[in-house]
C-alpha atoms as a PDB file:
ATOM      1  CA  MET A   1     110.930  91.023 126.713  1.00  0.00           C
ATOM      2  CA  ILE A   2     114.306  90.358 128.398  1.00  0.00           C
ATOM      3  CA  ARG A   3     115.103  86.508 129.320  1.00  0.00           C
ATOM      4  CA  ALA A   4     118.250  85.271 130.223  1.00  0.00           C
ATOM      5  CA  LEU A   5     119.786  81.173 130.566  1.00  0.00           C
ATOM      6  CA  PHE A   6     122.746  81.586 132.728  1.00  0.00           C
ATOM      7  CA  LEU A   7     124.605  78.358 133.408  1.00  0.00           C
ATOM      8  CA  SER A   8     126.527  78.221 136.914  1.00  0.00           C
ATOM      9  CA  PRO A   9     128.779  75.823 138.362  1.00  0.00           C
ATOM     10  CA  GLU A  10     127.702  76.232 141.727  1.00  0.00           C
ATOM     11  CA  HIS A  11     123.748  76.512 140.843  1.00  0.00           C
ATOM     12  CA  GLY A  12     123.684  74.587 137.577  1.00  0.00           C
ATOM     13  CA  LEU A  13     121.182  75.938 135.050  1.00  0.00           C
ATOM     14  CA  GLN A  14     119.269  78.957 136.008  1.00  0.00           C
ATOM     15  CA  THR A  15     116.154  80.457 133.815  1.00  0.00           C
ATOM     16  CA  ASP A  16     114.382  82.940 135.657  1.00  0.00           C
ATOM     17  CA  LEU A  17     117.844  85.521 136.245  1.00  0.00           C
ATOM     18  CA  THR A  18     116.404  89.217 136.385  1.00  0.00           C
ATOM     19  CA  PRO A  19     117.943  92.146 134.474  1.00  0.00           C
ATOM     20  CA  GLN A  20     118.932  93.173 138.428  1.00  0.00           C
ATOM     21  CA  ARG A  21     120.549  90.098 138.789  1.00  0.00           C
ATOM     22  CA  PHE A  22     122.949  90.510 135.598  1.00  0.00           C
ATOM     23  CA  ALA A  23     125.859  92.323 136.900  1.00  0.00           C
ATOM     24  CA  GLU A  24     126.259  89.379 139.837  1.00  0.00           C
ATOM     25  CA  ALA A  25     126.251  86.807 137.347  1.00  0.00           C
ATOM     26  CA  LEU A  26     128.894  88.391 135.038  1.00  0.00           C
ATOM     27  CA  GLN A  27     130.952  88.251 138.263  1.00  0.00           C
ATOM     28  CA  GLU A  28     131.235  84.340 138.438  1.00  0.00           C
ATOM     29  CA  ALA A  29     134.356  83.697 136.254  1.00  0.00           C
ATOM     30  CA  GLN A  30     132.851  80.072 135.320  1.00  0.00           C
ATOM     31  CA  GLY A  31     129.568  81.100 134.359  1.00  0.00           C
ATOM     32  CA  ILE A  32     127.935  81.461 130.957  1.00  0.00           C
ATOM     33  CA  LEU A  33     125.153  83.997 130.565  1.00  0.00           C
ATOM     34  CA  TRP A  34     123.095  83.948 127.612  1.00  0.00           C
ATOM     35  CA  VAL A  35     120.525  87.242 127.464  1.00  0.00           C
ATOM     36  CA  ASP A  36     118.167  87.561 124.540  1.00  0.00           C
ATOM     37  CA  MET A  37     116.430  90.717 124.248  1.00  0.00           C
ATOM     38  CA  ASP A  38     113.472  89.477 122.142  1.00  0.00           C
ATOM     39  CA  GLN A  39     111.320  92.761 120.862  1.00  0.00           C
ATOM     40  CA  ALA A  40     112.090  94.375 123.815  1.00  0.00           C
ATOM     41  CA  PRO A  41     111.568  98.130 123.954  1.00  0.00           C
ATOM     42  CA  VAL A  42     114.913 100.026 123.325  1.00  0.00           C
ATOM     43  CA  GLU A  43     114.212 102.243 126.996  1.00  0.00           C
ATOM     44  CA  MET A  44     114.008  98.741 128.835  1.00  0.00           C
ATOM     45  CA  CYS A  45     117.572  97.769 127.060  1.00  0.00           C
ATOM     46  CA  LEU A  46     119.600 100.189 127.211  1.00  0.00           C
ATOM     47  CA  PRO A  47     120.043 100.663 130.941  1.00  0.00           C
ATOM     48  CA  VAL A  48     121.045  96.935 130.471  1.00  0.00           C
ATOM     49  CA  LEU A  49     123.581  97.250 127.308  1.00  0.00           C
ATOM     50  CA  ARG A  50     125.102 100.815 128.490  1.00  0.00           C
ATOM     51  CA  ASP A  51     125.425 100.075 132.237  1.00  0.00           C
ATOM     52  CA  THR A  52     125.533  96.435 133.377  1.00  0.00           C
ATOM     53  CA  PHE A  53     127.504  94.800 130.433  1.00  0.00           C
ATOM     54  CA  GLY A  54     129.587  98.412 129.552  1.00  0.00           C
ATOM     55  CA  PHE A  55     128.952  98.013 125.606  1.00  0.00           C
ATOM     56  CA  HIS A  56     130.315 100.937 124.356  1.00  0.00           C
ATOM     57  CA  PRO A  57     127.579 103.716 123.056  1.00  0.00           C
ATOM     58  CA  LEU A  58     128.449 103.169 119.130  1.00  0.00           C
ATOM     59  CA  ALA A  59     127.606  99.636 119.389  1.00  0.00           C
ATOM     60  CA  ILE A  60     124.705  99.757 121.157  1.00  0.00           C
ATOM     61  CA  ASP A  61     123.943 102.527 118.801  1.00  0.00           C
ATOM     62  CA  ASP A  62     123.950  99.977 116.000  1.00  0.00           C
ATOM     63  CA  ALA A  63     122.311  97.797 117.780  1.00  0.00           C
ATOM     64  CA  LEU A  64     119.497  99.120 119.303  1.00  0.00           C
ATOM     65  CA  GLU A  65     118.688 102.157 116.427  1.00  0.00           C
ATOM     66  CA  GLU A  66     120.257 101.239 112.875  1.00  0.00           C
ATOM     67  CA  ALA A  67     119.921  98.651 110.257  1.00  0.00           C
ATOM     68  CA  HIS A  68     122.876  96.860 109.136  1.00  0.00           C
ATOM     69  CA  SER A  69     123.906  94.314 106.288  1.00  0.00           C
ATOM     70  CA  PRO A  70     125.773  91.394 107.776  1.00  0.00           C
ATOM     71  CA  LYS A  71     129.010  93.219 109.654  1.00  0.00           C
ATOM     72  CA  ILE A  72     131.120  92.088 112.784  1.00  0.00           C
ATOM     73  CA  ASP A  73     133.083  94.637 114.707  1.00  0.00           C
ATOM     74  CA  ASP A  74     136.024  93.794 116.900  1.00  0.00           C
ATOM     75  CA  TRP A  75     135.765  96.142 120.375  1.00  0.00           C
ATOM     76  CA  ILE A  76     138.721  93.718 121.886  1.00  0.00           C
ATOM     77  CA  GLN A  77     136.946  92.825 124.559  1.00  0.00           C
ATOM     78  CA  TYR A  78     133.649  91.224 122.909  1.00  0.00           C
ATOM     79  CA  LEU A  79     132.371  91.423 119.741  1.00  0.00           C
ATOM     80  CA  TYR A  80     129.466  92.990 117.990  1.00  0.00           C
ATOM     81  CA  LEU A  81     127.521  90.948 115.148  1.00  0.00           C
ATOM     82  CA  ALA A  82     124.863  92.132 113.023  1.00  0.00           C
ATOM     83  CA  LEU A  83     123.704  88.992 111.337  1.00  0.00           C
ATOM     84  CA  GLN A  84     120.555  88.549 108.868  1.00  0.00           C
ATOM     85  CA  ALA A  85     117.507  85.684 109.302  1.00  0.00           C
ATOM     86  CA  VAL A  86     115.542  85.104 106.616  1.00  0.00           C
ATOM     87  CA  VAL A  87     111.812  84.270 106.136  1.00  0.00           C
ATOM     88  CA  LEU A  88     109.783  83.194 103.083  1.00  0.00           C
ATOM     89  CA  ASP A  89     106.515  84.261 103.057  1.00  0.00           C
ATOM     90  CA  THR A  90     104.042  81.908 102.549  1.00  0.00           C
ATOM     91  CA  GLU A  91     101.935  83.971 100.319  1.00  0.00           C
ATOM     92  CA  PRO A  92     101.775  83.568  96.388  1.00  0.00           C
ATOM     93  CA  GLY A  93     104.658  84.904  95.067  1.00  0.00           C
ATOM     94  CA  GLN A  94     107.398  83.777  97.387  1.00  0.00           C
ATOM     95  CA  HIS A  95     108.090  86.792  99.091  1.00  0.00           C
ATOM     96  CA  LEU A  96     111.545  87.277 101.269  1.00  0.00           C
ATOM     97  CA  ASP A  97     111.398  88.705 104.528  1.00  0.00           C
ATOM     98  CA  THR A  98     114.760  89.614 106.699  1.00  0.00           C
ATOM     99  CA  HIS A  99     114.658  90.070 110.284  1.00  0.00           C
ATOM    100  CA  GLU A 100     118.415  91.655 111.843  1.00  0.00           C
ATOM    101  CA  LEU A 101     120.354  89.974 114.666  1.00  0.00           C
ATOM    102  CA  ASP A 102     122.502  92.107 116.452  1.00  0.00           C
ATOM    103  CA  VAL A 103     125.097  89.904 118.839  1.00  0.00           C
ATOM    104  CA  PHE A 104     127.394  90.697 121.261  1.00  0.00           C
ATOM    105  CA  LEU A 105     129.908  87.961 122.618  1.00  0.00           C
ATOM    106  CA  GLY A 106     131.868  87.863 125.264  1.00  0.00           C
ATOM    107  CA  ALA A 107     134.405  85.478 127.324  1.00  0.00           C
ATOM    108  CA  HIS A 108     131.654  84.628 129.157  1.00  0.00           C
ATOM    109  CA  TYR A 109     128.019  85.929 127.872  1.00  0.00           C
ATOM    110  CA  LEU A 110     126.203  86.162 124.427  1.00  0.00           C
ATOM    111  CA  VAL A 111     123.924  88.966 124.413  1.00  0.00           C
ATOM    112  CA  THR A 112     121.154  88.739 121.606  1.00  0.00           C
ATOM    113  CA  TYR A 113     118.574  91.713 120.464  1.00  0.00           C
ATOM    114  CA  HIS A 114     116.120  91.459 117.584  1.00  0.00           C
ATOM    115  CA  THR A 115     112.860  93.208 116.991  1.00  0.00           C
ATOM    116  CA  ASP A 116     111.180  90.778 115.119  1.00  0.00           C
ATOM    117  CA  PRO A 117     110.936  86.485 116.595  1.00  0.00           C
ATOM    118  CA  ILE A 118     114.004  84.549 114.548  1.00  0.00           C
ATOM    119  CA  GLU A 119     113.011  80.582 114.905  1.00  0.00           C
ATOM    120  CA  ALA A 120     116.575  79.633 114.229  1.00  0.00           C
ATOM    121  CA  LEU A 121     117.298  81.673 117.271  1.00  0.00           C
ATOM    122  CA  GLU A 122     114.510  80.306 119.749  1.00  0.00           C
ATOM    123  CA  ARG A 123     115.807  76.654 118.256  1.00  0.00           C
ATOM    124  CA  VAL A 124     118.724  77.212 119.828  1.00  0.00           C
ATOM    125  CA  TRP A 125     117.126  79.108 123.176  1.00  0.00           C
ATOM    126  CA  LYS A 126     114.793  75.190 123.260  1.00  0.00           C
ATOM    127  CA  ALA A 127     117.623  73.533 123.313  1.00  0.00           C
ATOM    128  CA  CYS A 128     119.742  75.159 126.099  1.00  0.00           C
ATOM    129  CA  ARG A 129     116.954  74.906 128.281  1.00  0.00           C
ATOM    130  CA  ARG A 130     116.520  71.278 127.440  1.00  0.00           C
ATOM    131  CA  ASP A 131     120.326  70.245 127.575  1.00  0.00           C
ATOM    132  CA  GLU A 132     122.513  72.453 129.565  1.00  0.00           C
ATOM    133  CA  ARG A 133     125.422  70.977 127.882  1.00  0.00           C
ATOM    134  CA  TYR A 134     125.277  73.159 124.938  1.00  0.00           C
ATOM    135  CA  LEU A 135     125.857  76.250 127.240  1.00  0.00           C
ATOM    136  CA  GLN A 136     128.997  74.609 128.966  1.00  0.00           C
ATOM    137  CA  GLN A 137     130.723  74.555 125.665  1.00  0.00           C
ATOM    138  CA  GLY A 138     130.710  78.578 126.060  1.00  0.00           C
ATOM    139  CA  PRO A 139     129.336  81.364 124.478  1.00  0.00           C
ATOM    140  CA  CYS A 140     131.094  81.051 121.648  1.00  0.00           C
ATOM    141  CA  HIS A 141     130.127  77.908 120.840  1.00  0.00           C
ATOM    142  CA  LEU A 142     126.287  79.232 121.085  1.00  0.00           C
ATOM    143  CA  LEU A 143     126.677  81.938 118.771  1.00  0.00           C
ATOM    144  CA  TYR A 144     128.120  78.953 116.206  1.00  0.00           C
ATOM    145  CA  ARG A 145     124.678  77.397 116.544  1.00  0.00           C
ATOM    146  CA  VAL A 146     122.683  80.011 116.122  1.00  0.00           C
ATOM    147  CA  ALA A 147     124.766  80.921 113.226  1.00  0.00           C
ATOM    148  CA  ASP A 148     124.384  77.706 111.624  1.00  0.00           C
ATOM    149  CA  GLU A 149     120.358  77.392 112.470  1.00  0.00           C
ATOM    150  CA  LEU A 150     120.207  80.619 110.511  1.00  0.00           C
ATOM    151  CA  ALA A 151     122.069  79.313 108.094  1.00  0.00           C
ATOM    152  CA  THR A 152     119.725  76.306 107.820  1.00  0.00           C
ATOM    153  CA  ASP A 153     116.996  78.599 107.680  1.00  0.00           C
ATOM    154  CA  CYS A 154     118.560  79.950 104.133  1.00  0.00           C
ATOM    155  CA  MET A 155     118.949  76.383 102.858  1.00  0.00           C
ATOM    156  CA  ALA A 156     115.070  75.803 103.749  1.00  0.00           C
ATOM    157  CA  VAL A 157     113.952  79.290 101.891  1.00  0.00           C
ATOM    158  CA  VAL A 158     116.439  78.108  98.476  1.00  0.00           C
ATOM    159  CA  GLU A 159     114.906  74.865  98.469  1.00  0.00           C
ATOM    160  CA  ALA A 160     111.730  76.708  98.732  1.00  0.00           C
ATOM    161  CA  ILE A 161     112.756  78.703  95.485  1.00  0.00           C
ATOM    162  CA  ASP A 162     113.721  75.713  93.551  1.00  0.00           C
ATOM    163  CA  ASP A 163     110.718  74.544  93.671  1.00  0.00           C
ATOM    164  CA  GLU A 164     108.566  76.937  93.094  1.00  0.00           C
ATOM    165  CA  ILE A 165     110.815  77.449  89.768  1.00  0.00           C
ATOM    166  CA  ASP A 166     110.157  74.036  88.924  1.00  0.00           C
ATOM    167  CA  SER A 167     106.525  74.920  89.015  1.00  0.00           C
ATOM    168  CA  ILE A 168     106.934  78.147  86.760  1.00  0.00           C
ATOM    169  CA  GLU A 169     108.740  76.016  84.415  1.00  0.00           C
ATOM    170  CA  ASP A 170     106.167  74.009  83.716  1.00  0.00           C
ATOM    171  CA  GLN A 171     103.317  76.372  83.951  1.00  0.00           C
ATOM    172  CA  VAL A 172     105.230  78.081  81.124  1.00  0.00           C
ATOM    173  CA  PHE A 173     104.501  75.575  78.612  1.00  0.00           C
ATOM    174  CA  GLY A 174     101.008  75.251  79.902  1.00  0.00           C
ATOM    175  CA  ALA A 175      99.166  78.089  80.446  1.00  0.00           C
ATOM    176  CA  PRO A 176     101.298  81.316  80.958  1.00  0.00           C
ATOM    177  CA  GLY A 177      99.657  84.461  81.607  1.00  0.00           C
ATOM    178  CA  PRO A 178     100.387  87.533  83.367  1.00  0.00           C
ATOM    179  CA  HIS A 179     100.426  86.361  86.707  1.00  0.00           C
ATOM    180  CA  LEU A 180     103.138  84.038  85.524  1.00  0.00           C
ATOM    181  CA  LEU A 181     105.500  86.834  84.901  1.00  0.00           C
ATOM    182  CA  GLU A 182     104.594  88.697  88.185  1.00  0.00           C
ATOM    183  CA  LYS A 183     105.754  85.637  89.946  1.00  0.00           C
ATOM    184  CA  ILE A 184     109.006  85.440  87.861  1.00  0.00           C
ATOM    185  CA  PHE A 185     110.147  89.221  88.996  1.00  0.00           C
ATOM    186  CA  THR A 186     109.367  88.070  92.350  1.00  0.00           C
ATOM    187  CA  LEU A 187     111.835  85.439  92.004  1.00  0.00           C
ATOM    188  CA  LYS A 188     114.407  87.392  90.860  1.00  0.00           C
ATOM    189  CA  ARG A 189     113.733  89.840  93.299  1.00  0.00           C
ATOM    190  CA  THR A 190     113.855  87.387  95.837  1.00  0.00           C
ATOM    191  CA  LEU A 191     117.276  85.807  94.815  1.00  0.00           C
ATOM    192  CA  VAL A 192     118.374  89.320  94.308  1.00  0.00           C
ATOM    193  CA  THR A 193     117.426  90.344  98.113  1.00  0.00           C
ATOM    194  CA  LEU A 194     118.626  86.403  99.129  1.00  0.00           C
ATOM    195  CA  ARG A 195     122.227  87.163  97.665  1.00  0.00           C
ATOM    196  CA  ARG A 196     122.475  90.669  99.487  1.00  0.00           C
ATOM    197  CA  VAL A 197     121.917  89.151 102.600  1.00  0.00           C
ATOM    198  CA  ILE A 198     124.477  85.818 102.001  1.00  0.00           C
ATOM    199  CA  ALA A 199     127.227  87.799 100.622  1.00  0.00           C
ATOM    200  CA  PRO A 200     128.209  89.745 103.653  1.00  0.00           C
ATOM    201  CA  GLN A 201     127.108  87.430 105.898  1.00  0.00           C
ATOM    202  CA  ARG A 202     129.664  84.891 104.315  1.00  0.00           C
ATOM    203  CA  GLU A 203     132.423  87.325 104.627  1.00  0.00           C
ATOM    204  CA  VAL A 204     131.661  87.727 108.826  1.00  0.00           C
ATOM    205  CA  LEU A 205     131.531  83.756 108.888  1.00  0.00           C
ATOM    206  CA  ASN A 206     135.194  83.943 107.087  1.00  0.00           C
ATOM    207  CA  LYS A 207     136.366  86.425 109.420  1.00  0.00           C
ATOM    208  CA  MET A 208     135.291  83.973 112.642  1.00  0.00           C
ATOM    209  CA  ALA A 209     136.812  80.766 111.052  1.00  0.00           C
ATOM    210  CA  ARG A 210     140.377  82.458 110.517  1.00  0.00           C
ATOM    211  CA  GLY A 211     140.509  83.428 113.951  1.00  0.00           C
ATOM    212  CA  GLY A 212     142.261  86.708 115.253  1.00  0.00           C
ATOM    213  CA  TYR A 213     139.461  87.978 117.750  1.00  0.00           C
ATOM    214  CA  ALA A 214     140.344  87.760 121.333  1.00  0.00           C
ATOM    215  CA  THR A 215     136.353  86.207 122.737  1.00  0.00           C
ATOM    216  CA  ILE A 216     136.911  83.170 119.754  1.00  0.00           C
ATOM    217  CA  PRO A 217     138.864  80.157 121.332  1.00  0.00           C
ATOM    218  CA  ALA A 218     141.189  78.696 117.823  1.00  0.00           C
ATOM    219  CA  GLU A 219     139.125  75.529 118.648  1.00  0.00           C
ATOM    220  CA  GLN A 220     136.079  77.577 117.953  1.00  0.00           C
ATOM    221  CA  GLY A 221     137.629  78.116 114.515  1.00  0.00           C
ATOM    222  CA  VAL A 222     136.497  75.351 112.827  1.00  0.00           C
ATOM    223  CA  PHE A 223     133.095  75.262 113.448  1.00  0.00           C
ATOM    224  CA  PHE A 224     132.602  78.917 112.032  1.00  0.00           C
ATOM    225  CA  ARG A 225     134.244  77.619 109.115  1.00  0.00           C
ATOM    226  CA  ASP A 226     131.635  74.687 108.423  1.00  0.00           C
ATOM    227  CA  VAL A 227     128.894  77.763 108.467  1.00  0.00           C
ATOM    228  CA  TYR A 228     131.133  79.096 105.939  1.00  0.00           C
ATOM    229  CA  ASP A 229     131.278  76.382 103.551  1.00  0.00           C
ATOM    230  CA  HIS A 230     127.555  76.198 103.954  1.00  0.00           C
ATOM    231  CA  LEU A 231     126.967  79.811 103.024  1.00  0.00           C
ATOM    232  CA  VAL A 232     129.755  79.198  99.992  1.00  0.00           C
ATOM    233  CA  ARG A 233     127.989  76.567  98.673  1.00  0.00           C
ATOM    234  CA  LEU A 234     124.509  78.502  98.962  1.00  0.00           C
ATOM    235  CA  TYR A 235     126.170  81.340  97.775  1.00  0.00           C
ATOM    236  CA  ASP A 236     126.703  79.348  94.448  1.00  0.00           C
ATOM    237  CA  ILE A 237     123.506  77.822  94.542  1.00  0.00           C
ATOM    238  CA  ILE A 238     122.174  81.065  94.529  1.00  0.00           C
ATOM    239  CA  ASP A 239     123.649  82.095  91.526  1.00  0.00           C
ATOM    240  CA  SER A 240     121.804  78.854  89.406  1.00  0.00           C
ATOM    241  CA  LEU A 241     118.781  79.556  90.624  1.00  0.00           C
ATOM    242  CA  ARG A 242     119.170  83.111  88.886  1.00  0.00           C
ATOM    243  CA  ASP A 243     119.911  81.568  85.995  1.00  0.00           C
ATOM    244  CA  LEU A 244     117.368  79.173  85.970  1.00  0.00           C
ATOM    245  CA  VAL A 245     114.544  82.141  86.614  1.00  0.00           C
ATOM    246  CA  THR A 246     116.121  83.958  83.504  1.00  0.00           C
ATOM    247  CA  GLY A 247     115.686  81.252  81.390  1.00  0.00           C
ATOM    248  CA  ALA A 248     112.447  80.206  82.358  1.00  0.00           C
ATOM    249  CA  LEU A 249     111.915  84.298  81.692  1.00  0.00           C
ATOM    250  CA  ASP A 250     113.196  83.930  78.281  1.00  0.00           C
ATOM    251  CA  SER A 251     111.317  80.668  77.670  1.00  0.00           C
ATOM    252  CA  TYR A 252     107.692  82.730  79.299  1.00  0.00           C
ATOM    253  CA  LEU A 253     108.787  85.327  76.121  1.00  0.00           C
ATOM    254  CA  SER A 254     109.603  82.925  74.158  1.00  0.00           C
ATOM    255  CA  VAL A 255     106.037  80.712  74.607  1.00  0.00           C
ATOM    256  CA  VAL A 256     103.866  84.038  74.750  1.00  0.00           C
ATOM    257  CA  SER A 257     105.950  85.174  71.109  1.00  0.00           C
ATOM    258  CA  ASN A 258     104.940  81.845  69.707  1.00  0.00           C
ATOM    259  CA  ARG A 259     101.308  82.137  70.725  1.00  0.00           C
ATOM    260  CA  MET A 260     101.107  85.219  69.251  1.00  0.00           C
ATOM    261  CA  ASN A 261     102.424  84.592  66.092  1.00  0.00           C
ATOM    262  CA  GLU A 262     100.099  81.683  65.590  1.00  0.00           C
ATOM    263  CA  VAL A 263      97.232  84.095  66.181  1.00  0.00           C
ATOM    264  CA  MET A 264      98.303  86.706  63.402  1.00  0.00           C
ATOM    265  CA  LYS A 265      99.197  83.482  61.080  1.00  0.00           C
ATOM    266  CA  THR A 266      95.368  82.294  61.680  1.00  0.00           C
ATOM    267  CA  LEU A 267      93.785  85.631  61.318  1.00  0.00           C
ATOM    268  CA  THR A 268      95.981  86.190  57.988  1.00  0.00           C
ATOM    269  CA  VAL A 269      94.849  83.432  56.743  1.00  0.00           C
ATOM    270  CA  ILE A 270      91.417  84.281  57.479  1.00  0.00           C
ATOM    271  CA  THR A 271      91.859  87.402  55.548  1.00  0.00           C
ATOM    272  CA  THR A 272      93.765  85.899  53.023  1.00  0.00           C
ATOM    273  CA  LEU A 273      90.800  83.744  52.488  1.00  0.00           C
ATOM    274  CA  PHE A 274      88.331  85.916  52.506  1.00  0.00           C
ATOM    275  CA  MET A 275      89.970  88.956  49.937  1.00  0.00           C
ATOM    276  CA  PRO A 276      88.790  87.369  46.811  1.00  0.00           C
ATOM    277  CA  ILE A 277      85.170  86.716  48.331  1.00  0.00           C
ATOM    278  CA  SER A 278      85.425  90.793  49.140  1.00  0.00           C
ATOM    279  CA  PHE A 279      86.857  91.041  45.508  1.00  0.00           C
ATOM    280  CA  LEU A 280      84.031  89.600  44.161  1.00  0.00           C
ATOM    281  CA  ALA A 281      81.146  91.010  45.979  1.00  0.00           C
ATOM    282  CA  GLY A 282      82.579  94.549  45.404  1.00  0.00           C
ATOM    283  CA  PHE A 283      82.721  93.813  41.376  1.00  0.00           C
ATOM    284  CA  PHE A 284      79.697  92.346  40.920  1.00  0.00           C
ATOM    285  CA  GLY A 285      78.169  94.987  43.293  1.00  0.00           C
ATOM    286  CA  MET A 286      75.661  91.918  44.416  1.00  0.00           C
ATOM    287  CA  ASN A 287      73.041  93.574  42.279  1.00  0.00           C
ATOM    288  CA  PHE A 288      71.818  90.111  41.197  1.00  0.00           C
ATOM    289  CA  PHE A 289      67.752  90.490  42.507  1.00  0.00           C
ATOM    290  CA  ALA A 290      68.215  94.188  40.738  1.00  0.00           C
ATOM    291  CA  PRO A 291      68.809  94.423  37.505  1.00  0.00           C
ATOM    292  CA  THR A 292      70.336  97.370  36.134  1.00  0.00           C
ATOM    293  CA  HIS A 293      70.447  98.808  32.207  1.00  0.00           C
ATOM    294  CA  PRO A 294      72.152  98.309  29.855  1.00  0.00           C
ATOM    295  CA  PHE A 295      74.460  95.180  31.682  1.00  0.00           C
ATOM    296  CA  PRO A 296      71.237  92.598  32.214  1.00  0.00           C
ATOM    297  CA  ALA A 297      73.418  89.593  31.722  1.00  0.00           C
ATOM    298  CA  TRP A 298      75.422  90.676  34.180  1.00  0.00           C
ATOM    299  CA  THR A 299      73.064  90.065  36.424  1.00  0.00           C
ATOM    300  CA  SER A 300      71.041  86.824  35.212  1.00  0.00           C
ATOM    301  CA  SER A 301      70.736  84.021  36.819  1.00  0.00           C
ATOM    302  CA  PRO A 302      73.629  82.484  35.418  1.00  0.00           C
ATOM    303  CA  ALA A 303      75.938  84.892  36.458  1.00  0.00           C
ATOM    304  CA  PHE A 304      74.447  84.589  39.742  1.00  0.00           C
ATOM    305  CA  ILE A 305      75.384  81.207  40.191  1.00  0.00           C
ATOM    306  CA  VAL A 306      78.648  81.389  38.717  1.00  0.00           C
ATOM    307  CA  ALA A 307      79.595  84.068  41.109  1.00  0.00           C
ATOM    308  CA  LEU A 308      78.458  81.974  43.714  1.00  0.00           C
ATOM    309  CA  LEU A 309      81.023  79.106  42.839  1.00  0.00           C
ATOM    310  CA  LEU A 310      83.829  81.715  42.445  1.00  0.00           C
ATOM    311  CA  MET A 311      83.388  82.104  45.976  1.00  0.00           C
ATOM    312  CA  ALA A 312      83.278  78.818  47.169  1.00  0.00           C
ATOM    313  CA  PHE A 313      85.958  77.408  45.190  1.00  0.00           C
ATOM    314  CA  THR A 314      88.347  80.451  45.485  1.00  0.00           C
ATOM    315  CA  PRO A 315      89.397  80.526  49.030  1.00  0.00           C
ATOM    316  CA  THR A 316      89.086  76.770  49.008  1.00  0.00           C
ATOM    317  CA  GLY A 317      91.928  76.727  46.089  1.00  0.00           C
ATOM    318  CA  MET A 318      93.724  78.856  47.824  1.00  0.00           C
ATOM    319  CA  LEU A 319      94.022  77.473  51.300  1.00  0.00           C
ATOM    320  CA  LEU A 320      95.178  73.968  49.306  1.00  0.00           C
ATOM    321  CA  TRP A 321      97.470  75.675  47.553  1.00  0.00           C
ATOM    322  CA  MET A 322      98.994  77.371  50.973  1.00  0.00           C
ATOM    323  CA  ARG A 323      99.390  74.077  52.173  1.00  0.00           C
ATOM    324  CA  HIS A 324     101.215  72.731  49.191  1.00  0.00           C
ATOM    325  CA  ARG A 325     103.500  75.827  49.476  1.00  0.00           C
ATOM    326  CA  ALA A 326     103.710  74.699  54.058  1.00  0.00           C
ATOM    327  CA  TRP A 327     102.805  78.063  54.498  1.00  0.00           C
ATOM    328  CA  MET A 328     100.367  76.112  57.442  1.00  0.00           C
END
């Protein structure tokens, strides 16, 4: 679907502009045009980008055919940007999905292309439909709004991961199991992916904040600097969360090791307590009910009673001795 918002001083806000009228809208020097290609087929987008807007074939190929980490290219009359939106899967494990948003920013227009729904962009789109003052501030300010919403979504993802880490830390000392270890490693992968998105996106916003681009007015730099500050803070928080996940993993391994030591300790005590009984049973042969020549005294009733007493009191005495030595 290709949709457009066009704000004209003569006709006001138009929301039903067709691709055939984009060229006319671009001729109005005071008009502001935002074209959003939302999951539209490549064959439908290509003529608009190539013929109507006249973008360079390499920039079009970057947008339609290739996947990129966040980047910015200056084509003098317009900017091409690749940004990333992050979505945390609601299924167990906190799996992170990334959606690429390709942006062309000109003096009087903004073109966005994405193959997946992006909630941040949709919120800005709805806000522009409700209030045309968003469009009046220019396409550069629209791009700031989109970038700010993307940063807001990143913050929401980070907060969800923080809550998940708190839950894992509680479970580590409760009932740790293999499923918990899987969740910890999934969170580590999620944070690595998020870090790989935030780091280059932060640099893109830093370049836009410093200025030097013909399509970004000097007074708009402060807005991009604000988003850059948010991303810097997010990057620092992600590093802190990585340390927390590593600490949770160490705690999990320590707890599991301690529990294994307790099990081995218990089994060792049981084995140790039954060792003298096994010795006595093996020594006497347990032949009390079948006396054999030439040692009938060893299989008499007194010997049987003595053997039972030894088997009863020897483990008990060893247990008391182990407690006295503080081995248990």
